[in-house]
Amino acid sequence: MKNLNRQKPNFIFIDLDSGAFKTCEELDKVLTKTLKNLNDRLDRAYPTVLWSGNGYHIYLPVKASLLELENIFRELSEEPSRKFIQFAEQFLSDNKSDPEHWKHVSFKNCMIRIPGSINSKNNQQVKVMQQWDGRRVEINYLLRDFRRYLIAEKFKPKLAKKRFIVYSTKWRKR
């Protein structure tokens, strides 16, 4: 295995940025739907929700094994644990989380907000909207969807390349 800095995906972080929504009502609807997804897909998960001053941060500690040790995931990705935390954010928010966040999130750059601190971007205080219930939920319920995601990601470049070849040969002079 190439990555020697392996870590279990033991924390799901979802960033819902207010700038991505037209209204506060739309942002609140996405928060409600995301919390419902967490509840439905992760055995009654009850995460911490913070108002960051610029949107919502959802934090959920989870139970997970090191995905790099499981052949089913290692065959599809060099860093399945890192890919899982990126996948979970998008999957659980129905692709509504901040795209700049999920593209770059990893074990080395996951900045969280501290309740009571001041967000330097807008000088607002970070507030707790909902507090985690203290129960770490298993990620097992997401692993089938995660595997499907990895398969799609692995074959996406090949499919795109094949489509280009098929379309480009129609116009090629013989």
N, C-alpha and C. Protein backbone atom coordinates (compact mmCIF):
# COMPACT_ATOMS: atom_id res chain seq x y z
N MET A 1 0.83 -1.18 0.00
CA MET A 1 0.00 0.00 0.00
C MET A 1 0.87 1.24 0.00
N LYS A 2 0.51 2.17 -0.81
CA LYS A 2 1.29 3.38 -1.00
C LYS A 2 1.19 4.33 0.19
N ASN A 3 -0.01 4.55 0.70
CA ASN A 3 -0.24 5.53 1.76
C ASN A 3 0.12 4.95 3.12
N LEU A 4 1.17 5.46 3.74
CA LEU A 4 1.59 4.98 5.04
C LEU A 4 0.88 5.70 6.18
N ASN A 5 0.22 6.79 5.89
CA ASN A 5 -0.49 7.59 6.89
C ASN A 5 -1.96 7.17 6.94
N ARG A 6 -2.21 5.92 7.28
CA ARG A 6 -3.57 5.39 7.24
C ARG A 6 -4.32 5.74 8.52
N GLN A 7 -5.59 5.99 8.36
CA GLN A 7 -6.44 6.32 9.50
C GLN A 7 -7.85 5.85 9.21
N LYS A 8 -8.56 5.44 10.24
CA LYS A 8 -9.95 5.03 10.08
C LYS A 8 -10.80 6.26 9.78
N PRO A 9 -11.82 6.09 8.95
CA PRO A 9 -12.74 7.21 8.72
C PRO A 9 -13.73 7.30 9.88
N ASN A 10 -13.32 7.91 10.97
CA ASN A 10 -14.11 7.87 12.20
C ASN A 10 -14.87 9.17 12.49
N PHE A 11 -14.96 10.06 11.52
CA PHE A 11 -15.62 11.34 11.73
C PHE A 11 -16.21 11.81 10.41
N ILE A 12 -17.51 12.05 10.39
CA ILE A 12 -18.16 12.60 9.20
C ILE A 12 -18.41 14.08 9.45
N PHE A 13 -17.99 14.88 8.49
CA PHE A 13 -18.12 16.33 8.58
C PHE A 13 -18.83 16.81 7.32
N ILE A 14 -19.95 17.47 7.50
CA ILE A 14 -20.71 18.01 6.37
C ILE A 14 -20.80 19.52 6.52
N ASP A 15 -20.38 20.24 5.49
CA ASP A 15 -20.36 21.70 5.49
C ASP A 15 -21.43 22.22 4.54
N LEU A 16 -22.46 22.83 5.09
CA LEU A 16 -23.52 23.44 4.29
C LEU A 16 -23.32 24.95 4.32
N ASP A 17 -22.80 25.49 3.25
CA ASP A 17 -22.42 26.90 3.16
C ASP A 17 -23.62 27.73 2.70
N SER A 18 -23.96 28.76 3.46
CA SER A 18 -25.13 29.59 3.13
C SER A 18 -25.00 30.26 1.76
N GLY A 19 -23.79 30.50 1.31
CA GLY A 19 -23.57 31.14 0.01
C GLY A 19 -24.03 30.29 -1.17
N ALA A 20 -24.23 29.00 -0.95
CA ALA A 20 -24.66 28.11 -2.03
C ALA A 20 -26.17 28.08 -2.21
N PHE A 21 -26.90 28.80 -1.35
CA PHE A 21 -28.36 28.76 -1.38
C PHE A 21 -28.92 30.16 -1.57
N LYS A 22 -30.07 30.24 -2.23
CA LYS A 22 -30.69 31.54 -2.52
C LYS A 22 -31.29 32.17 -1.28
N THR A 23 -31.84 31.34 -0.40
CA THR A 23 -32.51 31.87 0.80
C THR A 23 -32.13 31.06 2.03
N CYS A 24 -32.39 31.64 3.19
CA CYS A 24 -32.17 30.93 4.46
C CYS A 24 -33.10 29.74 4.56
N GLU A 25 -34.31 29.88 4.02
CA GLU A 25 -35.28 28.78 4.05
C GLU A 25 -34.77 27.58 3.27
N GLU A 26 -34.14 27.84 2.13
CA GLU A 26 -33.58 26.76 1.32
C GLU A 26 -32.45 26.06 2.07
N LEU A 27 -31.59 26.84 2.71
CA LEU A 27 -30.50 26.28 3.51
C LEU A 27 -31.06 25.42 4.65
N ASP A 28 -32.09 25.92 5.32
CA ASP A 28 -32.70 25.17 6.42
C ASP A 28 -33.35 23.87 5.94
N LYS A 29 -33.95 23.89 4.76
CA LYS A 29 -34.54 22.68 4.19
C LYS A 29 -33.46 21.63 3.90
N VAL A 30 -32.33 22.10 3.38
CA VAL A 30 -31.23 21.17 3.09
C VAL A 30 -30.68 20.60 4.40
N LEU A 31 -30.57 21.43 5.42
CA LEU A 31 -30.14 20.92 6.73
C LEU A 31 -31.10 19.85 7.23
N THR A 32 -32.38 20.12 7.18
CA THR A 32 -33.39 19.16 7.64
C THR A 32 -33.29 17.85 6.86
N LYS A 33 -33.16 17.94 5.54
CA LYS A 33 -33.05 16.74 4.70
C LYS A 33 -31.76 15.99 5.01
N THR A 34 -30.66 16.69 5.22
CA THR A 34 -29.39 16.04 5.53
C THR A 34 -29.48 15.31 6.87
N LEU A 35 -30.09 15.94 7.86
CA LEU A 35 -30.25 15.28 9.16
C LEU A 35 -31.16 14.06 9.04
N LYS A 36 -32.18 14.14 8.18
CA LYS A 36 -33.04 12.99 7.95
C LYS A 36 -32.24 11.86 7.28
N ASN A 37 -31.41 12.21 6.31
CA ASN A 37 -30.56 11.21 5.65
C ASN A 37 -29.64 10.52 6.67
N LEU A 38 -29.03 11.31 7.53
CA LEU A 38 -28.17 10.74 8.56
C LEU A 38 -28.95 9.80 9.46
N ASN A 39 -30.12 10.22 9.87
CA ASN A 39 -30.97 9.41 10.74
C ASN A 39 -31.39 8.11 10.05
N ASP A 40 -31.82 8.22 8.80
CA ASP A 40 -32.32 7.06 8.06
C ASP A 40 -31.20 6.10 7.64
N ARG A 41 -30.09 6.64 7.22
CA ARG A 41 -29.03 5.81 6.64
C ARG A 41 -27.99 5.34 7.64
N LEU A 42 -27.98 5.94 8.82
CA LEU A 42 -26.97 5.56 9.82
C LEU A 42 -27.59 5.23 11.17
N ASP A 43 -28.66 4.48 11.17
CA ASP A 43 -29.23 3.95 12.41
C ASP A 43 -29.46 5.01 13.48
N ARG A 44 -30.32 5.97 13.15
CA ARG A 44 -30.74 7.02 14.10
C ARG A 44 -29.57 7.89 14.57
N ALA A 45 -28.74 8.30 13.66
CA ALA A 45 -27.62 9.17 14.01
C ALA A 45 -28.13 10.53 14.48
N TYR A 46 -27.50 11.06 15.50
CA TYR A 46 -27.87 12.37 16.06
C TYR A 46 -26.58 13.19 16.23
N PRO A 47 -26.19 13.91 15.17
CA PRO A 47 -24.91 14.62 15.17
C PRO A 47 -24.96 15.96 15.87
N THR A 48 -23.79 16.55 16.05
CA THR A 48 -23.69 17.94 16.47
C THR A 48 -23.93 18.81 15.23
N VAL A 49 -24.71 19.86 15.40
CA VAL A 49 -24.93 20.83 14.33
C VAL A 49 -24.53 22.19 14.88
N LEU A 50 -23.63 22.85 14.17
CA LEU A 50 -23.20 24.19 14.55
C LEU A 50 -23.63 25.20 13.50
N TRP A 51 -24.00 26.39 13.94
CA TRP A 51 -24.13 27.53 13.04
C TRP A 51 -22.77 28.20 13.04
N SER A 52 -22.11 28.19 11.90
CA SER A 52 -20.73 28.69 11.82
C SER A 52 -20.67 30.19 11.59
N GLY A 53 -21.83 30.81 11.39
CA GLY A 53 -21.86 32.22 11.02
C GLY A 53 -21.95 32.37 9.52
N ASN A 54 -21.69 31.26 8.82
CA ASN A 54 -21.71 31.26 7.36
C ASN A 54 -22.40 30.01 6.81
N GLY A 55 -23.15 29.34 7.66
CA GLY A 55 -23.81 28.10 7.26
C GLY A 55 -23.77 27.12 8.42
N TYR A 56 -24.06 25.87 8.10
CA TYR A 56 -24.08 24.83 9.13
C TYR A 56 -22.91 23.86 8.96
N HIS A 57 -22.37 23.45 10.08
CA HIS A 57 -21.39 22.37 10.12
C HIS A 57 -22.05 21.23 10.87
N ILE A 58 -21.98 20.05 10.31
CA ILE A 58 -22.54 18.85 10.93
C ILE A 58 -21.37 17.92 11.24
N TYR A 59 -21.26 17.53 12.50
CA TYR A 59 -20.16 16.67 12.95
C TYR A 59 -20.74 15.39 13.53
N LEU A 60 -20.25 14.26 13.04
CA LEU A 60 -20.73 12.98 13.56
C LEU A 60 -19.57 12.00 13.71
N PRO A 61 -19.16 11.71 14.94
CA PRO A 61 -18.18 10.64 15.16
C PRO A 61 -18.84 9.29 14.84
N VAL A 62 -18.13 8.44 14.14
CA VAL A 62 -18.66 7.14 13.73
C VAL A 62 -17.69 6.01 14.07
N LYS A 63 -18.20 4.79 14.06
CA LYS A 63 -17.37 3.58 14.21
C LYS A 63 -17.04 3.08 12.82
N ALA A 64 -15.78 2.79 12.60
CA ALA A 64 -15.38 2.28 11.29
C ALA A 64 -14.09 1.49 11.42
N SER A 65 -13.91 0.58 10.48
CA SER A 65 -12.64 -0.13 10.40
C SER A 65 -11.75 0.61 9.39
N LEU A 66 -10.50 0.24 9.35
CA LEU A 66 -9.58 0.81 8.38
C LEU A 66 -9.91 0.21 7.02
N LEU A 67 -10.48 1.00 6.13
CA LEU A 67 -10.96 0.48 4.85
C LEU A 67 -9.83 0.00 3.96
N GLU A 68 -8.62 0.49 4.18
CA GLU A 68 -7.47 0.05 3.39
C GLU A 68 -7.15 -1.42 3.62
N LEU A 69 -7.62 -1.98 4.72
CA LEU A 69 -7.37 -3.40 5.02
C LEU A 69 -8.38 -4.33 4.37
N GLU A 70 -9.41 -3.78 3.76
CA GLU A 70 -10.45 -4.59 3.14
C GLU A 70 -10.25 -4.60 1.62
N ASN A 71 -10.01 -5.80 1.08
CA ASN A 71 -9.72 -5.94 -0.35
C ASN A 71 -10.77 -5.30 -1.24
N ILE A 72 -12.02 -5.42 -0.86
CA ILE A 72 -13.12 -4.91 -1.68
C ILE A 72 -12.99 -3.41 -1.94
N PHE A 73 -12.38 -2.68 -1.02
CA PHE A 73 -12.18 -1.24 -1.20
C PHE A 73 -10.78 -0.93 -1.70
N ARG A 74 -9.79 -1.67 -1.25
CA ARG A 74 -8.40 -1.43 -1.64
C ARG A 74 -8.22 -1.65 -3.15
N GLU A 75 -9.00 -2.56 -3.73
CA GLU A 75 -8.91 -2.80 -5.17
C GLU A 75 -9.43 -1.62 -5.98
N LEU A 76 -10.26 -0.80 -5.36
CA LEU A 76 -10.90 0.30 -6.08
C LEU A 76 -10.28 1.66 -5.82
N SER A 77 -9.50 1.78 -4.75
CA SER A 77 -8.92 3.08 -4.40
C SER A 77 -7.65 2.89 -3.57
N GLU A 78 -6.68 3.76 -3.79
CA GLU A 78 -5.46 3.73 -2.98
C GLU A 78 -5.71 4.24 -1.57
N GLU A 79 -6.69 5.14 -1.43
CA GLU A 79 -7.00 5.74 -0.13
C GLU A 79 -8.51 5.64 0.16
N PRO A 80 -9.02 4.44 0.36
CA PRO A 80 -10.48 4.33 0.55
C PRO A 80 -11.00 5.03 1.80
N SER A 81 -10.24 5.10 2.87
CA SER A 81 -10.73 5.77 4.07
C SER A 81 -10.90 7.26 3.82
N ARG A 82 -9.95 7.88 3.16
CA ARG A 82 -10.05 9.31 2.80
C ARG A 82 -11.20 9.53 1.83
N LYS A 83 -11.31 8.66 0.84
CA LYS A 83 -12.39 8.76 -0.14
C LYS A 83 -13.75 8.63 0.53
N PHE A 84 -13.81 7.78 1.58
CA PHE A 84 -15.08 7.58 2.27
C PHE A 84 -15.57 8.87 2.92
N ILE A 85 -14.69 9.62 3.59
CA ILE A 85 -15.14 10.85 4.25
C ILE A 85 -15.59 11.88 3.22
N GLN A 86 -14.98 11.87 2.04
CA GLN A 86 -15.43 12.76 0.96
C GLN A 86 -16.78 12.30 0.42
N PHE A 87 -16.91 11.00 0.19
CA PHE A 87 -18.16 10.44 -0.31
C PHE A 87 -19.31 10.69 0.67
N ALA A 88 -19.09 10.43 1.94
CA ALA A 88 -20.16 10.54 2.94
C ALA A 88 -20.73 11.96 2.98
N GLU A 89 -19.87 12.95 2.88
CA GLU A 89 -20.35 14.34 2.91
C GLU A 89 -21.31 14.61 1.76
N GLN A 90 -20.94 14.21 0.57
CA GLN A 90 -21.80 14.45 -0.60
C GLN A 90 -23.04 13.57 -0.58
N PHE A 91 -22.87 12.30 -0.26
CA PHE A 91 -23.97 11.35 -0.28
C PHE A 91 -25.05 11.73 0.74
N LEU A 92 -24.64 12.04 1.94
CA LEU A 92 -25.61 12.33 3.01
C LEU A 92 -26.28 13.69 2.86
N SER A 93 -25.64 14.60 2.12
CA SER A 93 -26.24 15.92 1.90
C SER A 93 -26.93 16.01 0.54
N ASP A 94 -27.05 14.88 -0.15
CA ASP A 94 -27.63 14.86 -1.51
C ASP A 94 -26.89 15.83 -2.43
N ASN A 95 -25.58 15.85 -2.33
CA ASN A 95 -24.71 16.71 -3.14
C ASN A 95 -24.95 18.20 -2.93
N LYS A 96 -25.38 18.57 -1.74
CA LYS A 96 -25.64 19.98 -1.43
C LYS A 96 -24.56 20.60 -0.55
N SER A 97 -23.59 19.81 -0.11
CA SER A 97 -22.55 20.39 0.75
C SER A 97 -21.59 21.23 -0.09
N ASP A 98 -20.82 22.03 0.58
CA ASP A 98 -19.89 22.96 -0.06
C ASP A 98 -18.90 22.18 -0.94
N PRO A 99 -18.93 22.36 -2.27
CA PRO A 99 -18.04 21.60 -3.14
C PRO A 99 -16.57 21.90 -2.90
N GLU A 100 -16.25 23.10 -2.48
CA GLU A 100 -14.84 23.42 -2.19
C GLU A 100 -14.35 22.65 -0.97
N HIS A 101 -15.26 22.35 -0.06
CA HIS A 101 -14.87 21.60 1.13
C HIS A 101 -14.64 20.14 0.81
N TRP A 102 -15.62 19.48 0.21
CA TRP A 102 -15.51 18.03 0.04
C TRP A 102 -14.42 17.63 -0.94
N LYS A 103 -14.08 18.47 -1.89
CA LYS A 103 -13.01 18.14 -2.83
C LYS A 103 -11.67 18.00 -2.12
N HIS A 104 -11.48 18.80 -1.07
CA HIS A 104 -10.17 18.87 -0.43
C HIS A 104 -10.11 18.24 0.95
N VAL A 105 -11.25 17.83 1.50
CA VAL A 105 -11.24 17.30 2.86
C VAL A 105 -10.41 16.01 2.92
N SER A 106 -9.62 15.92 3.96
CA SER A 106 -8.81 14.72 4.20
C SER A 106 -8.50 14.68 5.68
N PHE A 107 -7.74 13.70 6.08
CA PHE A 107 -7.38 13.58 7.49
C PHE A 107 -6.41 14.69 7.91
N LYS A 108 -5.77 15.32 6.94
CA LYS A 108 -4.77 16.35 7.25
C LYS A 108 -5.33 17.77 7.25
N ASN A 109 -6.53 17.97 6.71
CA ASN A 109 -7.03 19.35 6.61
C ASN A 109 -8.52 19.45 6.90
N CYS A 110 -8.95 18.89 7.97
CA CYS A 110 -10.37 18.93 8.33
C CYS A 110 -10.55 19.94 9.46
N MET A 111 -10.75 21.21 9.09
CA MET A 111 -10.87 22.27 10.08
C MET A 111 -12.29 22.34 10.61
N ILE A 112 -12.44 22.21 11.91
CA ILE A 112 -13.75 22.30 12.52
C ILE A 112 -13.87 23.60 13.30
N ARG A 113 -15.09 24.00 13.54
CA ARG A 113 -15.35 25.22 14.31
C ARG A 113 -15.56 24.86 15.78
N ILE A 114 -15.16 25.73 16.66
CA ILE A 114 -15.31 25.55 18.10
C ILE A 114 -16.47 26.42 18.57
N PRO A 115 -17.48 25.81 19.23
CA PRO A 115 -18.60 26.62 19.74
C PRO A 115 -18.12 27.74 20.65
N GLY A 116 -18.69 28.92 20.44
CA GLY A 116 -18.30 30.10 21.23
C GLY A 116 -17.18 30.90 20.60
N SER A 117 -16.45 30.31 19.66
CA SER A 117 -15.37 31.05 18.99
C SER A 117 -15.98 32.00 17.96
N ILE A 118 -15.15 32.87 17.43
CA ILE A 118 -15.60 33.85 16.43
C ILE A 118 -15.10 33.42 15.06
N ASN A 119 -16.00 33.37 14.10
CA ASN A 119 -15.65 33.06 12.72
C ASN A 119 -14.99 34.30 12.12
N SER A 120 -13.73 34.21 11.78
CA SER A 120 -12.99 35.37 11.29
C SER A 120 -13.47 35.86 9.92
N LYS A 121 -14.20 35.02 9.20
CA LYS A 121 -14.71 35.43 7.88
C LYS A 121 -15.82 36.47 7.99
N ASN A 122 -16.60 36.41 9.08
CA ASN A 122 -17.74 37.32 9.18
C ASN A 122 -17.96 37.87 10.59
N ASN A 123 -17.03 37.58 11.47
CA ASN A 123 -17.05 38.09 12.85
C ASN A 123 -18.28 37.64 13.64
N GLN A 124 -18.84 36.49 13.29
CA GLN A 124 -19.99 35.95 14.02
C GLN A 124 -19.55 34.84 14.96
N GLN A 125 -20.28 34.68 16.04
CA GLN A 125 -19.99 33.64 17.01
C GLN A 125 -20.54 32.30 16.52
N VAL A 126 -19.75 31.24 16.69
CA VAL A 126 -20.16 29.88 16.34
C VAL A 126 -21.10 29.38 17.44
N LYS A 127 -22.29 28.89 17.03
CA LYS A 127 -23.31 28.48 18.00
C LYS A 127 -23.70 27.02 17.81
N VAL A 128 -23.97 26.34 18.91
CA VAL A 128 -24.46 24.96 18.87
C VAL A 128 -25.96 24.99 18.62
N MET A 129 -26.39 24.33 17.56
CA MET A 129 -27.81 24.23 17.24
C MET A 129 -28.38 22.89 17.73
N GLN A 130 -27.53 21.87 17.72
CA GLN A 130 -27.91 20.53 18.18
C GLN A 130 -26.65 19.86 18.68
N GLN A 131 -26.74 19.16 19.79
CA GLN A 131 -25.56 18.52 20.37
C GLN A 131 -25.61 17.01 20.14
N TRP A 132 -24.47 16.44 19.76
CA TRP A 132 -24.31 15.01 19.53
C TRP A 132 -24.79 14.24 20.75
N ASP A 133 -25.43 13.11 20.52
CA ASP A 133 -25.97 12.30 21.62
C ASP A 133 -24.94 11.37 22.26
N GLY A 134 -23.70 11.41 21.78
CA GLY A 134 -22.63 10.61 22.38
C GLY A 134 -22.52 9.20 21.84
N ARG A 135 -23.36 8.83 20.89
CA ARG A 135 -23.34 7.48 20.34
C ARG A 135 -22.68 7.47 18.98
N ARG A 136 -21.59 6.68 18.87
CA ARG A 136 -20.94 6.50 17.57
C ARG A 136 -21.69 5.45 16.78
N VAL A 137 -22.16 5.82 15.61
CA VAL A 137 -22.90 4.87 14.77
C VAL A 137 -21.95 4.18 13.81
N GLU A 138 -22.32 2.97 13.40
CA GLU A 138 -21.54 2.19 12.43
C GLU A 138 -21.73 2.76 11.03
N ILE A 139 -20.69 2.72 10.22
CA ILE A 139 -20.80 3.18 8.83
C ILE A 139 -21.23 2.06 7.89
N ASN A 140 -21.41 0.85 8.42
CA ASN A 140 -21.72 -0.31 7.58
C ASN A 140 -22.87 -0.06 6.62
N TYR A 141 -23.86 0.71 7.05
CA TYR A 141 -25.03 0.96 6.22
C TYR A 141 -24.69 1.77 4.97
N LEU A 142 -23.55 2.43 4.97
CA LEU A 142 -23.16 3.25 3.81
C LEU A 142 -22.18 2.53 2.89
N LEU A 143 -21.63 1.42 3.33
CA LEU A 143 -20.53 0.81 2.59
C LEU A 143 -20.93 0.26 1.22
N ARG A 144 -22.15 -0.22 1.05
CA ARG A 144 -22.59 -0.69 -0.26
C ARG A 144 -22.64 0.48 -1.25
N ASP A 145 -23.22 1.60 -0.80
CA ASP A 145 -23.28 2.78 -1.67
C ASP A 145 -21.89 3.34 -1.93
N PHE A 146 -21.02 3.28 -0.93
CA PHE A 146 -19.65 3.74 -1.10
C PHE A 146 -18.92 2.90 -2.14
N ARG A 147 -19.11 1.59 -2.09
CA ARG A 147 -18.47 0.71 -3.07
C ARG A 147 -18.96 1.04 -4.48
N ARG A 148 -20.26 1.26 -4.64
CA ARG A 148 -20.81 1.64 -5.94
C ARG A 148 -20.19 2.95 -6.44
N TYR A 149 -20.01 3.89 -5.52
CA TYR A 149 -19.39 5.16 -5.85
C TYR A 149 -17.95 4.94 -6.36
N LEU A 150 -17.19 4.11 -5.64
CA LEU A 150 -15.80 3.85 -6.05
C LEU A 150 -15.74 3.18 -7.42
N ILE A 151 -16.64 2.26 -7.68
CA ILE A 151 -16.68 1.59 -8.99
C ILE A 151 -16.97 2.62 -10.08
N ALA A 152 -17.96 3.46 -9.84
CA ALA A 152 -18.30 4.50 -10.83
C ALA A 152 -17.12 5.44 -11.06
N GLU A 153 -16.43 5.83 -9.98
CA GLU A 153 -15.27 6.72 -10.10
C GLU A 153 -14.14 6.05 -10.87
N LYS A 154 -13.94 4.78 -10.63
CA LYS A 154 -12.84 4.06 -11.28
C LYS A 154 -13.06 3.94 -12.78
N PHE A 155 -14.30 3.74 -13.18
CA PHE A 155 -14.58 3.53 -14.59
C PHE A 155 -15.01 4.78 -15.32
N LYS A 156 -15.25 5.88 -14.59
CA LYS A 156 -15.67 7.12 -15.23
C LYS A 156 -14.66 7.61 -16.28
N PRO A 157 -13.37 7.70 -15.97
CA PRO A 157 -12.42 8.18 -16.98
C PRO A 157 -12.38 7.27 -18.21
N LYS A 158 -12.47 5.96 -18.01
CA LYS A 158 -12.43 5.04 -19.14
C LYS A 158 -13.66 5.20 -20.01
N LEU A 159 -14.83 5.35 -19.39
CA LEU A 159 -16.06 5.53 -20.15
C LEU A 159 -16.02 6.83 -20.94
N ALA A 160 -15.55 7.89 -20.31
CA ALA A 160 -15.47 9.18 -20.99
C ALA A 160 -14.53 9.09 -22.18
N LYS A 161 -13.42 8.40 -22.01
CA LYS A 161 -12.45 8.25 -23.09
C LYS A 161 -13.05 7.44 -24.24
N LYS A 162 -13.77 6.37 -23.91
CA LYS A 162 -14.39 5.56 -24.95
C LYS A 162 -15.43 6.38 -25.71
N ARG A 163 -16.22 7.17 -25.01
CA ARG A 163 -17.23 7.99 -25.68
C ARG A 163 -16.56 8.96 -26.65
N PHE A 164 -15.45 9.54 -26.22
CA PHE A 164 -14.74 10.48 -27.07
C PHE A 164 -14.26 9.78 -28.33
N ILE A 165 -13.72 8.60 -28.18
CA ILE A 165 -13.23 7.84 -29.34
C ILE A 165 -14.38 7.52 -30.28
N VAL A 166 -15.50 7.05 -29.74
CA VAL A 166 -16.65 6.71 -30.58
C VAL A 166 -17.12 7.94 -31.34
N TYR A 167 -17.29 9.06 -30.66
CA TYR A 167 -17.77 10.26 -31.33
C TYR A 167 -16.74 10.81 -32.31
N SER A 168 -15.47 10.75 -31.93
CA SER A 168 -14.46 11.35 -32.80
C SER A 168 -14.25 10.55 -34.07
N THR A 169 -14.47 9.23 -34.05
CA THR A 169 -14.26 8.44 -35.26
C THR A 169 -15.32 8.72 -36.31
N LYS A 170 -16.47 9.24 -35.92
CA LYS A 170 -17.52 9.56 -36.90
C LYS A 170 -17.08 10.68 -37.83
N TRP A 171 -16.21 11.54 -37.35
CA TRP A 171 -15.81 12.71 -38.11
C TRP A 171 -14.42 12.59 -38.72
N ARG A 172 -13.77 11.49 -38.47
CA ARG A 172 -12.40 11.32 -38.97
C ARG A 172 -12.42 10.99 -40.47
N LYS A 173 -11.53 11.62 -41.21
CA LYS A 173 -11.41 11.30 -42.65
C LYS A 173 -10.72 9.97 -42.78
N ARG A 174 -11.14 9.20 -43.75
CA ARG A 174 -10.54 7.87 -43.96
C ARG A 174 -9.66 7.87 -45.18
